[in-house]
Amino acid sequence: MKALLISCSPRKGNSETIVNKMSEILKKQNAKIETEIILLRKKKIERCIGCLEFCNKKLACYKKDDVANIFEK
């Protein structure tokens, strides 16, 4: 089983502390649980400009940022 934990805070603070603690608890509860933490503050994420013509036809975004990699997880 896998658990994906995402911290959306732009700062290193309480949200990140909670995510790290959750990862520790999950690992202690069940050694078979694989956890991964994604810190959005460390990812390159560009703002959506609402180009629905491209997105609807290609079913993807033309911007080359980290969002596609995050969606794959």
C-alpha atoms as a PDB file:
ATOM      1  CA  MET A   1       0.000   0.000   0.000  1.00  0.00           C
ATOM      2  CA  LYS A   2       1.174   3.533  -0.747  1.00  0.00           C
ATOM      3  CA  ALA A   3       0.318   6.829   0.919  1.00  0.00           C
ATOM      4  CA  LEU A   4       0.971  10.132  -0.822  1.00  0.00           C
ATOM      5  CA  LEU A   5       1.229  13.063   1.595  1.00  0.00           C
ATOM      6  CA  ILE A   6       1.151  16.580   0.142  1.00  0.00           C
ATOM      7  CA  SER A   7       2.058  19.769   1.961  1.00  0.00           C
ATOM      8  CA  CYS A   8       0.728  22.871   0.189  1.00  0.00           C
ATOM      9  CA  SER A   9       2.161  25.516   2.482  1.00  0.00           C
ATOM     10  CA  PRO A  10       4.584  28.018   0.940  1.00  0.00           C
ATOM     11  CA  ARG A  11       6.620  27.934   4.173  1.00  0.00           C
ATOM     12  CA  LYS A  12       8.311  25.231   6.201  1.00  0.00           C
ATOM     13  CA  GLY A  13       6.062  25.171   9.222  1.00  0.00           C
ATOM     14  CA  ASN A  14       3.172  23.378  10.892  1.00  0.00           C
ATOM     15  CA  SER A  15       1.755  21.805   7.723  1.00  0.00           C
ATOM     16  CA  GLU A  16       5.063  20.193   6.874  1.00  0.00           C
ATOM     17  CA  THR A  17       5.546  19.066  10.477  1.00  0.00           C
ATOM     18  CA  ILE A  18       2.127  17.390  10.445  1.00  0.00           C
ATOM     19  CA  VAL A  19       2.832  15.638   7.129  1.00  0.00           C
ATOM     20  CA  ASN A  20       6.167  14.330   8.454  1.00  0.00           C
ATOM     21  CA  LYS A  21       4.499  13.106  11.657  1.00  0.00           C
ATOM     22  CA  MET A  22       1.763  11.379   9.649  1.00  0.00           C
ATOM     23  CA  SER A  23       4.438   9.595   7.629  1.00  0.00           C
ATOM     24  CA  GLU A  24       6.124   8.385  10.821  1.00  0.00           C
ATOM     25  CA  ILE A  25       2.825   7.148  12.274  1.00  0.00           C
ATOM     26  CA  LEU A  26       1.893   5.286   9.094  1.00  0.00           C
ATOM     27  CA  LYS A  27       5.268   3.569   8.978  1.00  0.00           C
ATOM     28  CA  LYS A  28       4.994   2.537  12.651  1.00  0.00           C
ATOM     29  CA  GLN A  29       1.436   1.231  12.204  1.00  0.00           C
ATOM     30  CA  ASN A  30       2.239  -0.928   9.213  1.00  0.00           C
ATOM     31  CA  ALA A  31       5.697  -1.617   7.811  1.00  0.00           C
ATOM     32  CA  LYS A  32       4.129  -2.437   4.428  1.00  0.00           C
ATOM     33  CA  ILE A  33       2.909   1.132   3.899  1.00  0.00           C
ATOM     34  CA  GLU A  34       5.186   3.087   1.595  1.00  0.00           C
ATOM     35  CA  THR A  35       4.928   6.833   2.096  1.00  0.00           C
ATOM     36  CA  GLU A  36       5.967   9.674  -0.160  1.00  0.00           C
ATOM     37  CA  ILE A  37       5.904  13.338   0.796  1.00  0.00           C
ATOM     38  CA  ILE A  38       5.476  16.066  -1.797  1.00  0.00           C
ATOM     39  CA  LEU A  39       6.281  19.617  -0.747  1.00  0.00           C
ATOM     40  CA  LEU A  40       4.609  21.919  -3.250  1.00  0.00           C
ATOM     41  CA  ARG A  41       6.842  24.806  -2.174  1.00  0.00           C
ATOM     42  CA  LYS A  42       9.756  22.937  -3.738  1.00  0.00           C
ATOM     43  CA  LYS A  43       7.964  22.258  -7.020  1.00  0.00           C
ATOM     44  CA  LYS A  44       7.784  24.388 -10.135  1.00  0.00           C
ATOM     45  CA  ILE A  45       4.083  25.064 -10.651  1.00  0.00           C
ATOM     46  CA  GLU A  46       2.963  27.682 -13.124  1.00  0.00           C
ATOM     47  CA  ARG A  47      -0.348  29.493 -12.946  1.00  0.00           C
ATOM     48  CA  CYS A  48      -3.176  28.261 -15.178  1.00  0.00           C
ATOM     49  CA  ILE A  49      -4.140  30.791 -17.832  1.00  0.00           C
ATOM     50  CA  GLY A  50      -7.370  29.040 -18.805  1.00  0.00           C
ATOM     51  CA  CYS A  51      -6.416  27.993 -22.333  1.00  0.00           C
ATOM     52  CA  LEU A  52      -9.269  25.506 -22.595  1.00  0.00           C
ATOM     53  CA  GLU A  53      -8.861  25.093 -26.336  1.00  0.00           C
ATOM     54  CA  PHE A  54      -5.421  23.497 -25.867  1.00  0.00           C
ATOM     55  CA  CYS A  55      -6.250  21.553 -22.716  1.00  0.00           C
ATOM     56  CA  ASN A  56      -9.505  20.119 -24.028  1.00  0.00           C
ATOM     57  CA  LYS A  57      -8.041  19.064 -27.387  1.00  0.00           C
ATOM     58  CA  LYS A  58      -4.723  17.670 -26.139  1.00  0.00           C
ATOM     59  CA  LEU A  59      -5.921  16.548 -22.687  1.00  0.00           C
ATOM     60  CA  ALA A  60      -2.708  17.995 -21.287  1.00  0.00           C
ATOM     61  CA  CYS A  61      -1.188  21.322 -20.369  1.00  0.00           C
ATOM     62  CA  TYR A  62       1.373  22.925 -22.644  1.00  0.00           C
ATOM     63  CA  LYS A  63       3.314  24.335 -19.689  1.00  0.00           C
ATOM     64  CA  LYS A  64       6.354  22.339 -18.694  1.00  0.00           C
ATOM     65  CA  ASP A  65       6.167  22.309 -14.911  1.00  0.00           C
ATOM     66  CA  ASP A  66       5.976  19.665 -12.180  1.00  0.00           C
ATOM     67  CA  VAL A  67       2.193  19.286 -12.165  1.00  0.00           C
ATOM     68  CA  ALA A  68       2.131  16.385 -14.641  1.00  0.00           C
ATOM     69  CA  ASN A  69       4.591  14.420 -12.490  1.00  0.00           C
ATOM     70  CA  ILE A  70       2.489  15.020  -9.388  1.00  0.00           C
ATOM     71  CA  PHE A  71      -0.708  13.885 -11.179  1.00  0.00           C
ATOM     72  CA  GLU A  72       0.991  10.620 -12.187  1.00  0.00           C
ATOM     73  CA  LYS A  73       1.457   9.725  -8.523  1.00  0.00           C
END
